[in-house]
Structure formats: structure tokens, C-alpha cells
Amino acid sequence: MQNEIAALRAERSIPQVQAALSIPPPDRITEIAPNSQLLRQFDDPDRERTAEAKLKNFEQGQRSCADYATEFLRLAADTDWNDGAKIFIFRGGLSSEIKTHLSYVSACPRDLRGFIDLCIRADERITELRNELRPIQSSRRLPSLTAFQPQPSNNMQIDAVVP
């Protein structure tokens, strides 16, 4: 069997080998074998509740909105929440800069995909502006305070003779 696999791999790509051997790709194993012993043993028994708990505390942090949205959608896929609930939780985890931008938008999309697209565009614009301002701010640096060392003063010496 190993010789057959090696021969197949030499001639074809990995997906072609998997198809020839009828091996499902890793992301489809749960679709094909939802009741398999492996899944029963290692899968989360309460996936929906776990995803809901993670989403309630999920925040963008320092990552891009696109990265935040990708992970959010992965977790949200395991819930049965409607778009309104997902938007509410997604908005709550956004950075304050994006939330501020959204406050100026008169009509936010009511569907999750549209709302996420709006947030990603806002994040990209904020990043663009930050990058444009960075060179200006770095050229306005103040001189270092260590360059100005106070010199001892003789003004208060009583016995000092002034020439």
C-alpha cells in the first residue's frame, strides 16, 4: 500500500492522492463522519455553549479587524444566533477607534457580512491615516532633556567677588 501511495504522490498533488484513495480532506471529516469514534472522543460535547461563551468576551485587541472578523465568524458558525445578535456582540468587541467611526455612519448594514465589511474598511482607513501621520509626528520630536544639563550657579555665594 505504501508503494502505491508513493507512486501516486510522485505523479499527483496531495488532493489528487486523497481523492484517489478516498481520503476526505481534514476540514470535511466532521461532515463525512459526524458519529466517528474519534470525534466522540475528542470533540467538544457542547460546542455551541463553548462558542457562545468565547464570543461574549471576544475582543479585537491589537489585531486587524479582518483577523478579528475571521475568528469571530469561525466561532459564530457554532451558534444559532441571528445576524442582529451577532452584530451586537461583534460591535462590542471592536476597537474604540472603529466604534467611533461607526458613530458617524448614518445607516449601518443590518446583515452581518455587510456590517463586517464596513468595519474592515473603517479599520483599513484608520490604519492608512495612522501611517500617513507617523512620518510627520516623528519629524517633530522634541530635543532630549539630557542635552540641557544645568550648570552650577554662583549667584548665591556670599563671599564671591564679582570682577
N, C-alpha and C. Protein backbone atom coordinates (compact mmCIF):
# COMPACT_ATOMS: atom_id res chain seq x y z
N MET A 1 0.83 -1.20 0.00
CA MET A 1 0.00 0.00 0.00
C MET A 1 0.87 1.26 0.00
N GLN A 2 1.96 1.26 0.79
CA GLN A 2 2.82 2.44 0.84
C GLN A 2 3.47 2.71 -0.51
N ASN A 3 3.82 1.66 -1.23
CA ASN A 3 4.40 1.84 -2.56
C ASN A 3 3.40 2.49 -3.51
N GLU A 4 2.12 2.07 -3.39
CA GLU A 4 1.08 2.66 -4.24
C GLU A 4 0.91 4.15 -3.92
N ILE A 5 0.93 4.49 -2.61
CA ILE A 5 0.79 5.89 -2.20
C ILE A 5 1.97 6.71 -2.70
N ALA A 6 3.18 6.15 -2.56
CA ALA A 6 4.37 6.86 -3.02
C ALA A 6 4.31 7.08 -4.53
N ALA A 7 3.84 6.08 -5.26
CA ALA A 7 3.73 6.22 -6.71
C ALA A 7 2.69 7.28 -7.07
N LEU A 8 1.58 7.28 -6.36
CA LEU A 8 0.55 8.29 -6.60
C LEU A 8 1.07 9.69 -6.29
N ARG A 9 1.78 9.83 -5.17
CA ARG A 9 2.30 11.15 -4.78
C ARG A 9 3.32 11.67 -5.77
N ALA A 10 4.08 10.77 -6.34
CA ALA A 10 5.09 11.20 -7.31
C ALA A 10 4.43 11.77 -8.56
N GLU A 11 3.26 11.24 -8.89
CA GLU A 11 2.58 11.66 -10.11
C GLU A 11 1.57 12.79 -9.88
N ARG A 12 1.00 12.89 -8.66
CA ARG A 12 -0.12 13.80 -8.44
C ARG A 12 0.08 14.65 -7.20
N SER A 13 -0.77 15.67 -7.08
CA SER A 13 -0.74 16.51 -5.88
C SER A 13 -1.44 15.79 -4.73
N ILE A 14 -1.29 16.32 -3.53
CA ILE A 14 -1.90 15.69 -2.35
C ILE A 14 -3.42 15.59 -2.48
N PRO A 15 -4.13 16.63 -2.93
CA PRO A 15 -5.58 16.48 -3.08
C PRO A 15 -5.96 15.37 -4.07
N GLN A 16 -5.15 15.21 -5.13
CA GLN A 16 -5.43 14.13 -6.08
C GLN A 16 -5.20 12.77 -5.45
N VAL A 17 -4.17 12.66 -4.61
CA VAL A 17 -3.90 11.40 -3.91
C VAL A 17 -5.04 11.10 -2.94
N GLN A 18 -5.49 12.11 -2.21
CA GLN A 18 -6.61 11.91 -1.28
C GLN A 18 -7.85 11.43 -2.03
N ALA A 19 -8.11 12.03 -3.18
CA ALA A 19 -9.28 11.64 -3.97
C ALA A 19 -9.12 10.21 -4.47
N ALA A 20 -7.92 9.86 -4.93
CA ALA A 20 -7.68 8.51 -5.44
C ALA A 20 -7.84 7.46 -4.35
N LEU A 21 -7.46 7.80 -3.13
CA LEU A 21 -7.56 6.86 -2.02
C LEU A 21 -8.86 7.02 -1.23
N SER A 22 -9.71 7.94 -1.67
CA SER A 22 -10.98 8.24 -0.99
C SER A 22 -10.77 8.71 0.44
N ILE A 23 -9.75 9.53 0.66
CA ILE A 23 -9.49 10.11 1.97
C ILE A 23 -10.07 11.52 1.97
N PRO A 24 -10.98 11.81 2.89
CA PRO A 24 -11.55 13.16 2.91
C PRO A 24 -10.53 14.17 3.43
N PRO A 25 -10.59 15.41 2.94
CA PRO A 25 -9.70 16.44 3.50
C PRO A 25 -10.07 16.69 4.96
N PRO A 26 -9.11 17.19 5.77
CA PRO A 26 -9.35 17.34 7.21
C PRO A 26 -10.56 18.18 7.57
N ASP A 27 -10.86 19.22 6.80
CA ASP A 27 -11.98 20.09 7.15
C ASP A 27 -13.34 19.46 6.85
N ARG A 28 -13.36 18.31 6.17
CA ARG A 28 -14.63 17.66 5.84
C ARG A 28 -14.87 16.41 6.67
N ILE A 29 -13.97 16.06 7.55
CA ILE A 29 -14.13 14.83 8.33
C ILE A 29 -15.39 14.90 9.19
N THR A 30 -15.67 16.05 9.79
CA THR A 30 -16.88 16.16 10.63
C THR A 30 -18.14 16.04 9.78
N GLU A 31 -18.11 16.47 8.52
CA GLU A 31 -19.27 16.33 7.63
C GLU A 31 -19.48 14.87 7.25
N ILE A 32 -18.39 14.19 6.95
CA ILE A 32 -18.47 12.84 6.42
C ILE A 32 -18.69 11.81 7.52
N ALA A 33 -18.03 12.00 8.64
CA ALA A 33 -18.11 11.02 9.72
C ALA A 33 -18.47 11.69 11.04
N PRO A 34 -19.68 12.29 11.13
CA PRO A 34 -20.02 13.01 12.35
C PRO A 34 -20.14 12.11 13.58
N ASN A 35 -20.36 10.84 13.39
CA ASN A 35 -20.52 9.93 14.52
C ASN A 35 -19.30 9.05 14.75
N SER A 36 -18.18 9.43 14.19
CA SER A 36 -16.99 8.58 14.32
C SER A 36 -16.50 8.55 15.76
N GLN A 37 -15.83 7.49 16.10
CA GLN A 37 -15.29 7.31 17.45
C GLN A 37 -14.31 8.43 17.80
N LEU A 38 -13.50 8.83 16.83
CA LEU A 38 -12.51 9.89 17.06
C LEU A 38 -13.19 11.19 17.46
N LEU A 39 -14.24 11.57 16.73
CA LEU A 39 -14.95 12.80 17.07
C LEU A 39 -15.63 12.71 18.42
N ARG A 40 -16.26 11.58 18.70
CA ARG A 40 -16.93 11.42 20.00
C ARG A 40 -15.94 11.55 21.14
N GLN A 41 -14.73 11.10 20.91
CA GLN A 41 -13.74 11.10 21.98
C GLN A 41 -13.10 12.47 22.19
N PHE A 42 -12.85 13.23 21.13
CA PHE A 42 -12.07 14.46 21.26
C PHE A 42 -12.83 15.75 20.96
N ASP A 43 -14.00 15.68 20.39
CA ASP A 43 -14.73 16.90 20.06
C ASP A 43 -15.38 17.49 21.30
N ASP A 44 -15.64 18.78 21.26
CA ASP A 44 -16.29 19.49 22.36
C ASP A 44 -17.74 19.00 22.46
N PRO A 45 -18.14 18.46 23.59
CA PRO A 45 -19.50 17.93 23.71
C PRO A 45 -20.58 19.02 23.67
N ASP A 46 -20.22 20.24 24.02
CA ASP A 46 -21.19 21.33 23.99
C ASP A 46 -20.59 22.50 23.22
N ARG A 47 -20.35 22.26 21.96
CA ARG A 47 -19.67 23.22 21.09
C ARG A 47 -20.40 24.57 21.04
N GLU A 48 -21.73 24.53 20.98
CA GLU A 48 -22.49 25.78 20.86
C GLU A 48 -22.30 26.65 22.10
N ARG A 49 -22.43 26.07 23.28
CA ARG A 49 -22.28 26.87 24.50
C ARG A 49 -20.85 27.37 24.66
N THR A 50 -19.88 26.57 24.28
CA THR A 50 -18.48 26.99 24.34
C THR A 50 -18.24 28.19 23.42
N ALA A 51 -18.77 28.12 22.20
CA ALA A 51 -18.62 29.22 21.25
C ALA A 51 -19.30 30.48 21.77
N GLU A 52 -20.50 30.34 22.33
CA GLU A 52 -21.21 31.50 22.87
C GLU A 52 -20.42 32.16 24.00
N ALA A 53 -19.85 31.36 24.88
CA ALA A 53 -19.07 31.91 26.00
C ALA A 53 -17.84 32.64 25.48
N LYS A 54 -17.17 32.08 24.49
CA LYS A 54 -15.98 32.73 23.93
C LYS A 54 -16.35 34.04 23.24
N LEU A 55 -17.47 34.03 22.51
CA LEU A 55 -17.88 35.23 21.78
C LEU A 55 -18.25 36.38 22.71
N LYS A 56 -18.83 36.07 23.85
CA LYS A 56 -19.26 37.13 24.76
C LYS A 56 -18.08 37.93 25.31
N ASN A 57 -16.91 37.32 25.36
CA ASN A 57 -15.71 38.00 25.87
C ASN A 57 -14.69 38.28 24.77
N PHE A 58 -15.09 38.11 23.54
CA PHE A 58 -14.17 38.20 22.40
C PHE A 58 -13.94 39.65 22.01
N GLU A 59 -12.67 40.05 21.88
CA GLU A 59 -12.33 41.43 21.54
C GLU A 59 -11.29 41.48 20.43
N GLN A 60 -11.30 42.59 19.71
CA GLN A 60 -10.36 42.79 18.61
C GLN A 60 -8.93 42.92 19.12
N GLY A 61 -8.74 43.64 20.20
CA GLY A 61 -7.39 43.85 20.72
C GLY A 61 -6.52 44.60 19.73
N GLN A 62 -5.28 44.17 19.56
CA GLN A 62 -4.32 44.84 18.68
C GLN A 62 -4.35 44.32 17.25
N ARG A 63 -5.12 43.28 16.99
CA ARG A 63 -5.14 42.70 15.64
C ARG A 63 -6.01 43.52 14.69
N SER A 64 -5.88 43.24 13.43
CA SER A 64 -6.69 43.95 12.43
C SER A 64 -8.14 43.50 12.54
N CYS A 65 -9.02 44.32 12.04
CA CYS A 65 -10.44 43.99 12.06
C CYS A 65 -10.71 42.75 11.20
N ALA A 66 -9.97 42.59 10.12
CA ALA A 66 -10.14 41.42 9.25
C ALA A 66 -9.81 40.14 10.01
N ASP A 67 -8.72 40.15 10.78
CA ASP A 67 -8.36 38.98 11.58
C ASP A 67 -9.40 38.72 12.67
N TYR A 68 -9.85 39.79 13.32
CA TYR A 68 -10.89 39.68 14.34
C TYR A 68 -12.16 39.08 13.74
N ALA A 69 -12.56 39.57 12.56
CA ALA A 69 -13.78 39.09 11.91
C ALA A 69 -13.67 37.62 11.52
N THR A 70 -12.50 37.21 11.04
CA THR A 70 -12.31 35.82 10.64
C THR A 70 -12.52 34.89 11.82
N GLU A 71 -11.89 35.20 12.94
CA GLU A 71 -12.03 34.36 14.13
C GLU A 71 -13.46 34.45 14.67
N PHE A 72 -14.05 35.63 14.64
CA PHE A 72 -15.43 35.81 15.11
C PHE A 72 -16.37 34.92 14.29
N LEU A 73 -16.24 34.95 12.98
CA LEU A 73 -17.12 34.14 12.12
C LEU A 73 -16.93 32.65 12.36
N ARG A 74 -15.69 32.25 12.63
CA ARG A 74 -15.44 30.83 12.92
C ARG A 74 -16.19 30.41 14.17
N LEU A 75 -16.13 31.24 15.21
CA LEU A 75 -16.84 30.92 16.45
C LEU A 75 -18.36 31.04 16.28
N ALA A 76 -18.79 32.08 15.57
CA ALA A 76 -20.23 32.33 15.40
C ALA A 76 -20.91 31.24 14.59
N ALA A 77 -20.16 30.53 13.77
CA ALA A 77 -20.74 29.44 12.97
C ALA A 77 -21.29 28.33 13.86
N ASP A 78 -20.79 28.23 15.08
CA ASP A 78 -21.25 27.19 16.00
C ASP A 78 -22.43 27.63 16.85
N THR A 79 -22.96 28.82 16.61
CA THR A 79 -24.12 29.30 17.37
C THR A 79 -25.34 29.35 16.45
N ASP A 80 -26.50 29.50 17.06
CA ASP A 80 -27.71 29.67 16.24
C ASP A 80 -28.25 31.10 16.37
N TRP A 81 -27.37 32.04 16.70
CA TRP A 81 -27.76 33.44 16.84
C TRP A 81 -28.15 34.01 15.48
N ASN A 82 -29.07 34.99 15.49
CA ASN A 82 -29.41 35.69 14.25
C ASN A 82 -28.38 36.79 14.01
N ASP A 83 -28.47 37.43 12.84
CA ASP A 83 -27.49 38.47 12.48
C ASP A 83 -27.49 39.63 13.46
N GLY A 84 -28.65 40.02 13.95
CA GLY A 84 -28.72 41.14 14.90
C GLY A 84 -27.92 40.87 16.16
N ALA A 85 -28.04 39.66 16.70
CA ALA A 85 -27.30 39.29 17.91
C ALA A 85 -25.80 39.22 17.62
N LYS A 86 -25.45 38.67 16.47
CA LYS A 86 -24.03 38.57 16.11
C LYS A 86 -23.42 39.96 15.92
N ILE A 87 -24.17 40.87 15.28
CA ILE A 87 -23.68 42.24 15.08
C ILE A 87 -23.48 42.92 16.43
N PHE A 88 -24.40 42.72 17.34
CA PHE A 88 -24.31 43.33 18.68
C PHE A 88 -23.03 42.88 19.39
N ILE A 89 -22.76 41.59 19.36
CA ILE A 89 -21.57 41.04 20.02
C ILE A 89 -20.31 41.47 19.27
N PHE A 90 -20.35 41.43 17.95
CA PHE A 90 -19.19 41.83 17.14
C PHE A 90 -18.83 43.29 17.41
N ARG A 91 -19.83 44.16 17.42
CA ARG A 91 -19.60 45.59 17.67
C ARG A 91 -18.99 45.80 19.06
N GLY A 92 -19.47 45.06 20.04
CA GLY A 92 -18.96 45.21 21.40
C GLY A 92 -17.48 44.89 21.53
N GLY A 93 -16.97 44.01 20.68
CA GLY A 93 -15.56 43.63 20.76
C GLY A 93 -14.63 44.46 19.90
N LEU A 94 -15.19 45.39 19.14
CA LEU A 94 -14.36 46.22 18.25
C LEU A 94 -13.50 47.22 19.02
N SER A 95 -12.44 47.69 18.39
CA SER A 95 -11.59 48.72 18.99
C SER A 95 -12.40 50.01 19.11
N SER A 96 -12.00 50.86 20.04
CA SER A 96 -12.72 52.11 20.26
C SER A 96 -12.65 53.02 19.03
N GLU A 97 -11.56 52.94 18.27
CA GLU A 97 -11.43 53.77 17.06
C GLU A 97 -12.49 53.41 16.02
N ILE A 98 -12.72 52.12 15.84
CA ILE A 98 -13.73 51.69 14.87
C ILE A 98 -15.13 52.03 15.38
N LYS A 99 -15.35 51.85 16.68
CA LYS A 99 -16.65 52.22 17.25
C LYS A 99 -16.92 53.71 17.04
N THR A 100 -15.89 54.53 17.21
CA THR A 100 -16.05 55.97 16.98
C THR A 100 -16.41 56.23 15.53
N HIS A 101 -15.72 55.56 14.61
CA HIS A 101 -16.03 55.73 13.19
C HIS A 101 -17.48 55.33 12.91
N LEU A 102 -17.94 54.23 13.50
CA LEU A 102 -19.31 53.76 13.27
C LEU A 102 -20.34 54.76 13.78
N SER A 103 -19.98 55.54 14.79
CA SER A 103 -20.94 56.51 15.32
C SER A 103 -21.26 57.60 14.31
N TYR A 104 -20.41 57.79 13.30
CA TYR A 104 -20.64 58.79 12.26
C TYR A 104 -21.39 58.22 11.05
N VAL A 105 -21.58 56.91 11.02
CA VAL A 105 -22.27 56.28 9.89
C VAL A 105 -23.77 56.36 10.15
N SER A 106 -24.50 56.93 9.20
CA SER A 106 -25.93 57.16 9.41
C SER A 106 -26.75 55.86 9.35
N ALA A 107 -26.42 54.96 8.47
CA ALA A 107 -27.18 53.72 8.34
C ALA A 107 -26.22 52.54 8.21
N CYS A 108 -25.99 51.85 9.31
CA CYS A 108 -25.12 50.67 9.28
C CYS A 108 -25.90 49.50 8.68
N PRO A 109 -25.22 48.64 7.95
CA PRO A 109 -25.89 47.45 7.40
C PRO A 109 -26.47 46.59 8.52
N ARG A 110 -27.58 45.95 8.23
CA ARG A 110 -28.24 45.09 9.22
C ARG A 110 -27.88 43.62 9.05
N ASP A 111 -27.17 43.31 7.97
CA ASP A 111 -26.70 41.94 7.79
C ASP A 111 -25.26 41.85 8.26
N LEU A 112 -24.89 40.71 8.82
CA LEU A 112 -23.57 40.55 9.44
C LEU A 112 -22.44 40.78 8.44
N ARG A 113 -22.52 40.21 7.26
CA ARG A 113 -21.44 40.36 6.27
C ARG A 113 -21.24 41.83 5.89
N GLY A 114 -22.33 42.54 5.65
CA GLY A 114 -22.24 43.95 5.30
C GLY A 114 -21.65 44.77 6.42
N PHE A 115 -22.05 44.46 7.66
CA PHE A 115 -21.53 45.18 8.81
C PHE A 115 -20.04 44.93 8.99
N ILE A 116 -19.63 43.69 8.83
CA ILE A 116 -18.21 43.34 8.95
C ILE A 116 -17.40 44.04 7.86
N ASP A 117 -17.92 44.05 6.63
CA ASP A 117 -17.22 44.75 5.54
C ASP A 117 -17.03 46.23 5.85
N LEU A 118 -18.07 46.87 6.40
CA LEU A 118 -17.98 48.28 6.79
C LEU A 118 -16.88 48.48 7.84
N CYS A 119 -16.84 47.60 8.82
CA CYS A 119 -15.84 47.72 9.89
C CYS A 119 -14.43 47.50 9.37
N ILE A 120 -14.26 46.55 8.47
CA ILE A 120 -12.94 46.29 7.89
C ILE A 120 -12.47 47.49 7.09
N ARG A 121 -13.37 48.09 6.29
CA ARG A 121 -12.99 49.29 5.53
C ARG A 121 -12.61 50.43 6.48
N ALA A 122 -13.35 50.59 7.57
CA ALA A 122 -13.03 51.63 8.55
C ALA A 122 -11.66 51.38 9.16
N ASP A 123 -11.37 50.13 9.50
CA ASP A 123 -10.08 49.79 10.10
C ASP A 123 -8.94 50.05 9.12
N GLU A 124 -9.15 49.71 7.86
CA GLU A 124 -8.12 49.96 6.85
C GLU A 124 -7.87 51.46 6.70
N ARG A 125 -8.92 52.25 6.73
CA ARG A 125 -8.77 53.71 6.61
C ARG A 125 -8.04 54.28 7.82
N ILE A 126 -8.38 53.80 9.01
CA ILE A 126 -7.72 54.26 10.24
C ILE A 126 -6.23 53.92 10.17
N THR A 127 -5.91 52.72 9.72
CA THR A 127 -4.51 52.30 9.60
C THR A 127 -3.79 53.17 8.57
N GLU A 128 -4.46 53.46 7.45
CA GLU A 128 -3.89 54.34 6.42
C GLU A 128 -3.55 55.71 6.99
N LEU A 129 -4.50 56.29 7.70
CA LEU A 129 -4.28 57.62 8.30
C LEU A 129 -3.15 57.59 9.31
N ARG A 130 -3.11 56.55 10.11
CA ARG A 130 -2.05 56.42 11.11
C ARG A 130 -0.68 56.35 10.43
N ASN A 131 -0.60 55.62 9.32
CA ASN A 131 0.66 55.51 8.59
C ASN A 131 1.05 56.82 7.92
N GLU A 132 0.06 57.58 7.47
CA GLU A 132 0.35 58.89 6.86
C GLU A 132 0.85 59.88 7.90
N LEU A 133 0.32 59.82 9.10
CA LEU A 133 0.70 60.76 10.15
C LEU A 133 2.00 60.40 10.83
N ARG A 134 2.38 59.16 10.80
CA ARG A 134 3.58 58.70 11.52
C ARG A 134 4.84 59.46 11.12
N PRO A 135 5.15 59.66 9.82
CA PRO A 135 6.37 60.40 9.47
C PRO A 135 6.33 61.85 9.94
N ILE A 136 5.17 62.47 9.93
CA ILE A 136 5.04 63.86 10.38
C ILE A 136 5.35 63.95 11.87
N GLN A 137 4.79 63.05 12.64
CA GLN A 137 5.00 63.08 14.08
C GLN A 137 6.44 62.79 14.45
N SER A 138 7.09 61.88 13.74
CA SER A 138 8.47 61.54 14.09
C SER A 138 9.42 62.69 13.76
N SER A 139 9.08 63.56 12.81
CA SER A 139 9.96 64.68 12.48
C SER A 139 9.80 65.84 13.46
N ARG A 140 8.79 65.81 14.29
CA ARG A 140 8.55 66.88 15.26
C ARG A 140 9.04 66.51 16.66
N ARG A 141 10.01 65.70 16.75
CA ARG A 141 10.50 65.28 18.06
C ARG A 141 11.11 66.45 18.81
N LEU A 142 10.86 66.47 20.08
CA LEU A 142 11.44 67.49 20.94
C LEU A 142 12.88 67.12 21.27
N PRO A 143 13.72 68.10 21.52
CA PRO A 143 15.10 67.78 21.89
C PRO A 143 15.11 67.03 23.22
N SER A 144 16.11 66.23 23.36
CA SER A 144 16.24 65.44 24.58
C SER A 144 16.57 66.34 25.76
N LEU A 145 16.00 66.04 26.90
CA LEU A 145 16.26 66.82 28.10
C LEU A 145 17.67 66.58 28.65
N THR A 146 18.25 65.46 28.29
CA THR A 146 19.59 65.18 28.78
C THR A 146 20.62 66.09 28.13
N ALA A 147 20.29 66.72 27.02
CA ALA A 147 21.22 67.63 26.35
C ALA A 147 21.36 68.94 27.13
N PHE A 148 20.36 69.28 27.91
CA PHE A 148 20.37 70.52 28.68
C PHE A 148 20.65 70.22 30.15
N GLN A 149 21.89 70.15 30.49
CA GLN A 149 22.28 69.90 31.88
C GLN A 149 22.47 71.24 32.56
N PRO A 150 21.83 71.47 33.68
CA PRO A 150 22.00 72.76 34.37
C PRO A 150 23.44 72.93 34.85
N GLN A 151 23.95 74.12 34.68
CA GLN A 151 25.30 74.44 35.13
C GLN A 151 25.22 75.00 36.54
N PRO A 152 26.18 74.66 37.35
CA PRO A 152 26.16 75.20 38.72
C PRO A 152 26.21 76.73 38.68
N SER A 153 25.40 77.32 39.48
CA SER A 153 25.31 78.78 39.50
C SER A 153 26.06 79.33 40.71
N ASN A 154 26.70 80.48 40.53
CA ASN A 154 27.42 81.14 41.62
C ASN A 154 26.65 82.35 42.14
N ASN A 155 25.41 82.49 41.79
CA ASN A 155 24.63 83.67 42.16
C ASN A 155 24.44 83.83 43.66
N MET A 156 24.37 82.78 44.40
CA MET A 156 24.04 82.88 45.82
C MET A 156 25.27 82.79 46.73
N GLN A 157 26.44 82.85 46.20
CA GLN A 157 27.62 82.78 47.05
C GLN A 157 27.87 84.15 47.67
N ILE A 158 27.93 84.18 48.98
CA ILE A 158 28.06 85.44 49.70
C ILE A 158 29.47 86.02 49.56
N ASP A 159 30.46 85.21 49.63
CA ASP A 159 31.83 85.70 49.58
C ASP A 159 32.38 85.81 48.16
N ALA A 160 31.55 85.61 47.19
CA ALA A 160 32.05 85.65 45.82
C ALA A 160 32.39 87.07 45.42
N VAL A 161 33.51 87.21 44.78
CA VAL A 161 33.96 88.51 44.31
C VAL A 161 33.58 88.62 42.85
N VAL A 162 32.89 89.70 42.52
CA VAL A 162 32.49 89.91 41.14
C VAL A 162 33.52 90.79 40.48
N PRO A 163 34.15 90.41 39.38
CA PRO A 163 35.17 91.23 38.74
C PRO A 163 34.60 92.43 38.04
